[in-house]
Structures are given as structure tokens and as C-alpha cells.
């Protein structure tokens, strides 16, 4: 078990759809944290692209996964 935080909003100053969450409370882990964000990112000519950013830190080592570094999520179900 642990403590986390997540948020969702459909506001006009944000992308049309987005969600993010973060936590740094893990059972039996002294140095770990996770941040994630998924969104419909506004693009040119009114198009929107699915985008994401995930950062995982474990024992002071950072692992980054995101759309602009061409990371791919094959299945998120």
C-alpha cells in the first residue's frame, strides 16, 4: 500500500483531455517516486495527438519515457 495523488480536469486552458498522477510512497522502498501524465496534445491545424510523460526514480536513478523521445505504449488496458 502507499499514498498517491491523481487529478483530472476538462478545463478550457488545458488540453481537451488529460490526466496526471504522482506518488513517492512505496511499501519497502526507501527511494522511489513515479510521475505520469497523459494528454491529447494540441498540434497544428486543430489536430490533437496523444502524448505522455512518465518519470520513474529508483535509488536516485531516473528513467524517462515520453512522446517526444519516441517512446511507445503498446497497450494500456
PDB file of N, CA and C in Angstrom:
ATOM      1  N   UNK A   1       0.833  -1.176   0.000  1.00  0.00           N
ATOM      2  CA  UNK A   1       0.000   0.000   0.000  1.00  0.00           C
ATOM      3  C   UNK A   1       0.879   1.241   0.000  1.00  0.00           C
ATOM      4  N   UNK A   2       0.309   2.379  -0.360  1.00  0.00           N
ATOM      5  CA  UNK A   2       1.057   3.628  -0.402  1.00  0.00           C
ATOM      6  C   UNK A   2       0.118   4.792  -0.583  1.00  0.00           C
ATOM      7  N   UNK A   3       0.702   5.950  -0.712  1.00  0.00           N
ATOM      8  CA  UNK A   3      -0.055   7.179  -0.888  1.00  0.00           C
ATOM      9  C   UNK A   3       0.248   7.735  -2.261  1.00  0.00           C
ATOM     10  N   UNK A   4      -0.765   8.171  -2.980  1.00  0.00           N
ATOM     11  CA  UNK A   4      -0.574   8.755  -4.302  1.00  0.00           C
ATOM     12  C   UNK A   4      -1.551   9.889  -4.508  1.00  0.00           C
ATOM     13  N   UNK A   5      -1.417  10.560  -5.633  1.00  0.00           N
ATOM     14  CA  UNK A   5      -2.297  11.671  -5.968  1.00  0.00           C
ATOM     15  C   UNK A   5      -2.548  11.632  -7.460  1.00  0.00           C
ATOM     16  N   UNK A   6      -3.779  11.838  -7.856  1.00  0.00           N
ATOM     17  CA  UNK A   6      -4.115  11.918  -9.272  1.00  0.00           C
ATOM     18  C   UNK A   6      -5.129  13.033  -9.460  1.00  0.00           C
ATOM     19  N   UNK A   7      -5.170  13.581 -10.650  1.00  0.00           N
ATOM     20  CA  UNK A   7      -6.049  14.710 -10.920  1.00  0.00           C
ATOM     21  C   UNK A   7      -6.555  14.613 -12.343  1.00  0.00           C
ATOM     22  N   UNK A   8      -7.761  15.097 -12.567  1.00  0.00           N
ATOM     23  CA  UNK A   8      -8.363  15.107 -13.897  1.00  0.00           C
ATOM     24  C   UNK A   8      -9.134  16.394 -14.056  1.00  0.00           C
ATOM     25  N   UNK A   9      -9.082  17.003 -15.240  1.00  0.00           N
ATOM     26  CA  UNK A   9      -9.790  18.255 -15.495  1.00  0.00           C
ATOM     27  C   UNK A   9     -10.111  18.341 -16.979  1.00  0.00           C
ATOM     28  N   UNK A  10     -11.230  18.957 -17.296  1.00  0.00           N
ATOM     29  CA  UNK A  10     -11.608  19.203 -18.685  1.00  0.00           C
ATOM     30  C   UNK A  10     -11.659  20.710 -18.926  1.00  0.00           C
ATOM     31  N   UNK A  11     -10.759  21.463 -18.317  1.00  0.00           N
ATOM     32  CA  UNK A  11     -10.756  22.923 -18.405  1.00  0.00           C
ATOM     33  C   UNK A  11     -10.406  23.442 -19.790  1.00  0.00           C
ATOM     34  N   UNK A  12     -10.734  24.699 -20.039  1.00  0.00           N
ATOM     35  CA  UNK A  12     -10.509  25.284 -21.366  1.00  0.00           C
ATOM     36  C   UNK A  12      -9.065  25.690 -21.595  1.00  0.00           C
ATOM     37  N   UNK A  13      -8.271  25.891 -20.545  1.00  0.00           N
ATOM     38  CA  UNK A  13      -6.874  26.276 -20.727  1.00  0.00           C
ATOM     39  C   UNK A  13      -5.942  25.066 -20.744  1.00  0.00           C
ATOM     40  N   UNK A  14      -6.492  23.884 -20.660  1.00  0.00           N
ATOM     41  CA  UNK A  14      -5.720  22.652 -20.704  1.00  0.00           C
ATOM     42  C   UNK A  14      -6.001  21.948 -22.026  1.00  0.00           C
ATOM     43  N   UNK A  15      -5.249  20.891 -22.343  1.00  0.00           N
ATOM     44  CA  UNK A  15      -5.632  20.065 -23.496  1.00  0.00           C
ATOM     45  C   UNK A  15      -7.057  19.554 -23.308  1.00  0.00           C
ATOM     46  N   UNK A  16      -7.698  19.145 -24.383  1.00  0.00           N
ATOM     47  CA  UNK A  16      -9.100  18.720 -24.301  1.00  0.00           C
ATOM     48  C   UNK A  16      -9.293  17.529 -23.365  1.00  0.00           C
ATOM     49  N   UNK A  17      -8.276  16.714 -23.194  1.00  0.00           N
ATOM     50  CA  UNK A  17      -8.334  15.585 -22.259  1.00  0.00           C
ATOM     51  C   UNK A  17      -6.943  15.374 -21.676  1.00  0.00           C
ATOM     52  N   UNK A  18      -6.871  15.221 -20.372  1.00  0.00           N
ATOM     53  CA  UNK A  18      -5.579  14.951 -19.744  1.00  0.00           C
ATOM     54  C   UNK A  18      -5.796  14.369 -18.362  1.00  0.00           C
ATOM     55  N   UNK A  19      -4.772  13.692 -17.868  1.00  0.00           N
ATOM     56  CA  UNK A  19      -4.757  13.168 -16.506  1.00  0.00           C
ATOM     57  C   UNK A  19      -3.299  13.084 -16.076  1.00  0.00           C
ATOM     58  N   UNK A  20      -3.042  13.319 -14.810  1.00  0.00           N
ATOM     59  CA  UNK A  20      -1.696  13.136 -14.299  1.00  0.00           C
ATOM     60  C   UNK A  20      -1.774  12.616 -12.877  1.00  0.00           C
ATOM     61  N   UNK A  21      -0.691  12.017 -12.440  1.00  0.00           N
ATOM     62  CA  UNK A  21      -0.620  11.497 -11.086  1.00  0.00           C
ATOM     63  C   UNK A  21       0.821  11.408 -10.639  1.00  0.00           C
ATOM     64  N   UNK A  22       1.005  11.293  -9.346  1.00  0.00           N
ATOM     65  CA  UNK A  22       2.357  11.166  -8.809  1.00  0.00           C
ATOM     66  C   UNK A  22       2.302  10.472  -7.462  1.00  0.00           C
ATOM     67  N   UNK A  23       3.391   9.846  -7.086  1.00  0.00           N
ATOM     68  CA  UNK A  23       3.497   9.227  -5.770  1.00  0.00           C
ATOM     69  C   UNK A  23       4.968   9.066  -5.410  1.00  0.00           C
ATOM     70  N   UNK A  24       5.247   9.094  -4.138  1.00  0.00           N
ATOM     71  CA  UNK A  24       6.583   8.766  -3.643  1.00  0.00           C
ATOM     72  C   UNK A  24       6.481   7.942  -2.365  1.00  0.00           C
ATOM     73  N   UNK A  25       5.363   7.288  -2.189  1.00  0.00           N
ATOM     74  CA  UNK A  25       5.126   6.432  -1.033  1.00  0.00           C
ATOM     75  C   UNK A  25       5.006   4.990  -1.507  1.00  0.00           C
ATOM     76  N   UNK A  26       6.013   4.190  -1.251  1.00  0.00           N
ATOM     77  CA  UNK A  26       6.022   2.795  -1.677  1.00  0.00           C
ATOM     78  C   UNK A  26       6.346   1.913  -0.476  1.00  0.00           C
ATOM     79  N   UNK A  27       5.690   0.786  -0.394  1.00  0.00           N
ATOM     80  CA  UNK A  27       5.962  -0.170   0.670  1.00  0.00           C
ATOM     81  C   UNK A  27       7.352  -0.769   0.456  1.00  0.00           C
ATOM     82  N   UNK A  28       8.181  -0.763   1.470  1.00  0.00           N
ATOM     83  CA  UNK A  28       9.526  -1.353   1.449  1.00  0.00           C
ATOM     84  C   UNK A  28      10.478  -0.697   0.454  1.00  0.00           C
ATOM     85  N   UNK A  29      10.251   0.530   0.067  1.00  0.00           N
ATOM     86  CA  UNK A  29      11.170   1.228  -0.842  1.00  0.00           C
ATOM     87  C   UNK A  29      11.584   2.539  -0.186  1.00  0.00           C
ATOM     88  N   UNK A  30      12.869   2.770  -0.097  1.00  0.00           N
ATOM     89  CA  UNK A  30      13.341   3.975   0.574  1.00  0.00           C
ATOM     90  C   UNK A  30      13.528   5.141  -0.380  1.00  0.00           C
ATOM     91  N   UNK A  31      13.760   4.874  -1.654  1.00  0.00           N
ATOM     92  CA  UNK A  31      13.971   5.959  -2.610  1.00  0.00           C
ATOM     93  C   UNK A  31      13.319   5.611  -3.936  1.00  0.00           C
ATOM     94  N   UNK A  32      12.042   5.927  -4.059  1.00  0.00           N
ATOM     95  CA  UNK A  32      11.336   5.664  -5.308  1.00  0.00           C
ATOM     96  C   UNK A  32      10.212   6.676  -5.459  1.00  0.00           C
ATOM     97  N   UNK A  33      10.000   7.128  -6.684  1.00  0.00           N
ATOM     98  CA  UNK A  33       8.875   8.013  -6.966  1.00  0.00           C
ATOM     99  C   UNK A  33       8.446   7.812  -8.413  1.00  0.00           C
ATOM    100  N   UNK A  34       7.200   8.160  -8.691  1.00  0.00           N
ATOM    101  CA  UNK A  34       6.638   7.980 -10.021  1.00  0.00           C
ATOM    102  C   UNK A  34       5.773   9.186 -10.352  1.00  0.00           C
ATOM    103  N   UNK A  35       5.926   9.706 -11.555  1.00  0.00           N
ATOM    104  CA  UNK A  35       5.088  10.773 -12.081  1.00  0.00           C
ATOM    105  C   UNK A  35       4.622  10.340 -13.461  1.00  0.00           C
ATOM    106  N   UNK A  36       3.346  10.590 -13.789  1.00  0.00           N
ATOM    107  CA  UNK A  36       2.873  10.296 -15.140  1.00  0.00           C
ATOM    108  C   UNK A  36       1.865  11.342 -15.573  1.00  0.00           C
ATOM    109  N   UNK A  37       1.797  11.553 -16.866  1.00  0.00           N
ATOM    110  CA  UNK A  37       0.817  12.452 -17.452  1.00  0.00           C
ATOM    111  C   UNK A  37       0.477  11.944 -18.846  1.00  0.00           C
ATOM    112  N   UNK A  38      -0.808  11.892 -19.155  1.00  0.00           N
ATOM    113  CA  UNK A  38      -1.296  11.523 -20.481  1.00  0.00           C
ATOM    114  C   UNK A  38      -2.224  12.635 -20.940  1.00  0.00           C
ATOM    115  N   UNK A  39      -2.147  13.021 -22.220  1.00  0.00           N
ATOM    116  CA  UNK A  39      -2.977  14.129 -22.696  1.00  0.00           C
ATOM    117  C   UNK A  39      -3.199  14.046 -24.198  1.00  0.00           C
ATOM    118  N   UNK A  40      -4.259  14.690 -24.646  1.00  0.00           N
ATOM    119  CA  UNK A  40      -4.462  14.971 -26.070  1.00  0.00           C
ATOM    120  C   UNK A  40      -3.792  16.317 -26.325  1.00  0.00           C
ATOM    121  N   UNK A  41      -2.646  16.289 -26.957  1.00  0.00           N
ATOM    122  CA  UNK A  41      -1.809  17.479 -27.115  1.00  0.00           C
ATOM    123  C   UNK A  41      -2.228  18.257 -28.361  1.00  0.00           C
ATOM    124  N   UNK A  42      -2.554  19.542 -28.223  1.00  0.00           N
ATOM    125  CA  UNK A  42      -2.902  20.349 -29.399  1.00  0.00           C
ATOM    126  C   UNK A  42      -1.730  20.415 -30.373  1.00  0.00           C
ATOM    127  N   UNK A  43      -2.021  20.328 -31.655  1.00  0.00           N
ATOM    128  CA  UNK A  43      -0.998  20.325 -32.692  1.00  0.00           C
ATOM    129  C   UNK A  43      -1.416  21.322 -33.764  1.00  0.00           C
ATOM    130  N   UNK A  44      -0.781  21.315 -34.869  1.00  0.00           N
ATOM    131  CA  UNK A  44      -1.090  22.245 -35.955  1.00  0.00           C
ATOM    132  C   UNK A  44      -2.453  21.957 -36.586  1.00  0.00           C
ATOM    133  N   UNK A  45      -3.077  22.999 -37.126  1.00  0.00           N
ATOM    134  CA  UNK A  45      -4.325  22.906 -37.891  1.00  0.00           C
ATOM    135  C   UNK A  45      -5.466  22.283 -37.093  1.00  0.00           C
ATOM    136  N   UNK A  46      -5.473  22.473 -35.777  1.00  0.00           N
ATOM    137  CA  UNK A  46      -6.545  21.959 -34.939  1.00  0.00           C
ATOM    138  C   UNK A  46      -6.450  20.474 -34.628  1.00  0.00           C
ATOM    139  N   UNK A  47      -5.388  19.826 -35.053  1.00  0.00           N
ATOM    140  CA  UNK A  47      -5.213  18.401 -34.760  1.00  0.00           C
ATOM    141  C   UNK A  47      -4.751  18.202 -33.324  1.00  0.00           C
ATOM    142  N   UNK A  48      -5.051  17.043 -32.771  1.00  0.00           N
ATOM    143  CA  UNK A  48      -4.578  16.666 -31.448  1.00  0.00           C
ATOM    144  C   UNK A  48      -3.882  15.321 -31.539  1.00  0.00           C
ATOM    145  N   UNK A  49      -2.782  15.185 -30.812  1.00  0.00           N
ATOM    146  CA  UNK A  49      -2.028  13.937 -30.780  1.00  0.00           C
ATOM    147  C   UNK A  49      -2.016  13.388 -29.359  1.00  0.00           C
ATOM    148  N   UNK A  50      -2.087  12.065 -29.200  1.00  0.00           N
ATOM    149  CA  UNK A  50      -1.955  11.506 -27.859  1.00  0.00           C
ATOM    150  C   UNK A  50      -0.501  11.635 -27.403  1.00  0.00           C
ATOM    151  N   UNK A  51      -0.296  12.174 -26.230  1.00  0.00           N
ATOM    152  CA  UNK A  51       1.057  12.340 -25.707  1.00  0.00           C
ATOM    153  C   UNK A  51       1.139  11.873 -24.269  1.00  0.00           C
ATOM    154  N   UNK A  52       2.349  11.557 -23.835  1.00  0.00           N
ATOM    155  CA  UNK A  52       2.532  11.123 -22.458  1.00  0.00           C
ATOM    156  C   UNK A  52       3.931  11.455 -21.967  1.00  0.00           C
ATOM    157  N   UNK A  53       4.050  11.510 -20.660  1.00  0.00           N
ATOM    158  CA  UNK A  53       5.323  11.725 -19.975  1.00  0.00           C
ATOM    159  C   UNK A  53       5.294  10.876 -18.716  1.00  0.00           C
ATOM    160  N   UNK A  54       6.290  10.031 -18.556  1.00  0.00           N
ATOM    161  CA  UNK A  54       6.411   9.186 -17.367  1.00  0.00           C
ATOM    162  C   UNK A  54       7.835   9.331 -16.848  1.00  0.00           C
ATOM    163  N   UNK A  55       7.976   9.600 -15.561  1.00  0.00           N
ATOM    164  CA  UNK A  55       9.293   9.655 -14.931  1.00  0.00           C
ATOM    165  C   UNK A  55       9.247   8.748 -13.707  1.00  0.00           C
ATOM    166  N   UNK A  56      10.170   7.796 -13.657  1.00  0.00           N
ATOM    167  CA  UNK A  56      10.280   6.871 -12.528  1.00  0.00           C
ATOM    168  C   UNK A  56      11.665   7.035 -11.932  1.00  0.00           C
ATOM    169  N   UNK A  57      11.740   7.257 -10.635  1.00  0.00           N
ATOM    170  CA  UNK A  57      13.020   7.392  -9.944  1.00  0.00           C
ATOM    171  C   UNK A  57      13.137   6.264  -8.941  1.00  0.00           C
ATOM    172  N   UNK A  58      14.262   5.566  -8.983  1.00  0.00           N
ATOM    173  CA  UNK A  58      14.507   4.476  -8.050  1.00  0.00           C
ATOM    174  C   UNK A  58      15.974   4.501  -7.658  1.00  0.00           C
ATOM    175  N   UNK A  59      16.240   4.572  -6.375  1.00  0.00           N
ATOM    176  CA  UNK A  59      17.610   4.649  -5.852  1.00  0.00           C
ATOM    177  C   UNK A  59      18.430   5.727  -6.547  1.00  0.00           C
ATOM    178  N   UNK A  60      17.840   6.889  -6.713  1.00  0.00           N
ATOM    179  CA  UNK A  60      18.490   8.077  -7.287  1.00  0.00           C
ATOM    180  C   UNK A  60      18.830   7.934  -8.765  1.00  0.00           C
ATOM    181  N   UNK A  61      18.222   6.995  -9.447  1.00  0.00           N
ATOM    182  CA  UNK A  61      18.377   6.835 -10.897  1.00  0.00           C
ATOM    183  C   UNK A  61      17.035   7.178 -11.545  1.00  0.00           C
ATOM    184  N   UNK A  62      17.053   8.061 -12.550  1.00  0.00           N
ATOM    185  CA  UNK A  62      15.829   8.492 -13.215  1.00  0.00           C
ATOM    186  C   UNK A  62      15.637   7.751 -14.532  1.00  0.00           C
ATOM    187  N   UNK A  63      14.404   7.317 -14.775  1.00  0.00           N
ATOM    188  CA  UNK A  63      14.024   6.666 -16.022  1.00  0.00           C
ATOM    189  C   UNK A  63      12.906   7.506 -16.637  1.00  0.00           C
ATOM    190  N   UNK A  64      13.118   7.995 -17.868  1.00  0.00           N
ATOM    191  CA  UNK A  64      12.155   8.886 -18.516  1.00  0.00           C
ATOM    192  C   UNK A  64      11.590   8.219 -19.767  1.00  0.00           C
ATOM    193  N   UNK A  65      10.287   8.301 -19.897  1.00  0.00           N
ATOM    194  CA  UNK A  65       9.583   7.789 -21.068  1.00  0.00           C
ATOM    195  C   UNK A  65       8.622   8.881 -21.506  1.00  0.00           C
ATOM    196  N   UNK A  66       8.644   9.255 -22.788  1.00  0.00           N
ATOM    197  CA  UNK A  66       7.748  10.306 -23.243  1.00  0.00           C
ATOM    198  C   UNK A  66       7.604  10.289 -24.752  1.00  0.00           C
ATOM    199  N   UNK A  67       6.607  11.000 -25.204  1.00  0.00           N
ATOM    200  CA  UNK A  67       6.289  11.047 -26.625  1.00  0.00           C
ATOM    201  C   UNK A  67       7.416  11.671 -27.430  1.00  0.00           C
ATOM    202  N   UNK A  68       7.991  12.769 -26.940  1.00  0.00           N
ATOM    203  CA  UNK A  68       8.996  13.473 -27.733  1.00  0.00           C
ATOM    204  C   UNK A  68      10.337  12.755 -27.792  1.00  0.00           C
ATOM    205  N   UNK A  69      10.552  11.722 -26.979  1.00  0.00           N
ATOM    206  CA  UNK A  69      11.723  10.857 -27.132  1.00  0.00           C
ATOM    207  C   UNK A  69      11.359   9.578 -27.880  1.00  0.00           C
ATOM    208  N   UNK A  70      10.162   9.583 -28.476  1.00  0.00           N
ATOM    209  CA  UNK A  70       9.651   8.491 -29.312  1.00  0.00           C
ATOM    210  C   UNK A  70       9.399   7.198 -28.544  1.00  0.00           C
ATOM    211  N   UNK A  71       9.095   7.294 -27.253  1.00  0.00           N
ATOM    212  CA  UNK A  71       8.660   6.121 -26.504  1.00  0.00           C
ATOM    213  C   UNK A  71       7.270   5.731 -26.991  1.00  0.00           C
ATOM    214  N   UNK A  72       6.934   4.468 -26.881  1.00  0.00           N
ATOM    215  CA  UNK A  72       5.655   3.962 -27.373  1.00  0.00           C
ATOM    216  C   UNK A  72       4.990   3.123 -26.290  1.00  0.00           C
ATOM    217  N   UNK A  73       3.695   3.331 -26.094  1.00  0.00           N
ATOM    218  CA  UNK A  73       2.890   2.462 -25.240  1.00  0.00           C
ATOM    219  C   UNK A  73       2.107   1.549 -26.169  1.00  0.00           C
ATOM    220  N   UNK A  74       2.361   0.255 -26.099  1.00  0.00           N
ATOM    221  CA  UNK A  74       1.706  -0.692 -26.997  1.00  0.00           C
ATOM    222  C   UNK A  74       0.293  -1.045 -26.548  1.00  0.00           C
ATOM    223  N   UNK A  75       0.081  -1.151 -25.236  1.00  0.00           N
ATOM    224  CA  UNK A  75      -1.242  -1.498 -24.725  1.00  0.00           C
ATOM    225  C   UNK A  75      -1.370  -0.919 -23.333  1.00  0.00           C
ATOM    226  N   UNK A  76      -2.400  -0.150 -23.109  1.00  0.00           N
ATOM    227  CA  UNK A  76      -2.618   0.461 -21.801  1.00  0.00           C
ATOM    228  C   UNK A  76      -4.040   0.158 -21.366  1.00  0.00           C
ATOM    229  N   UNK A  77      -4.286  -1.130 -21.104  1.00  0.00           N
ATOM    230  CA  UNK A  77      -5.640  -1.526 -20.719  1.00  0.00           C
ATOM    231  C   UNK A  77      -5.626  -2.351 -19.451  1.00  0.00           C
TER     232      UNK A  77
END
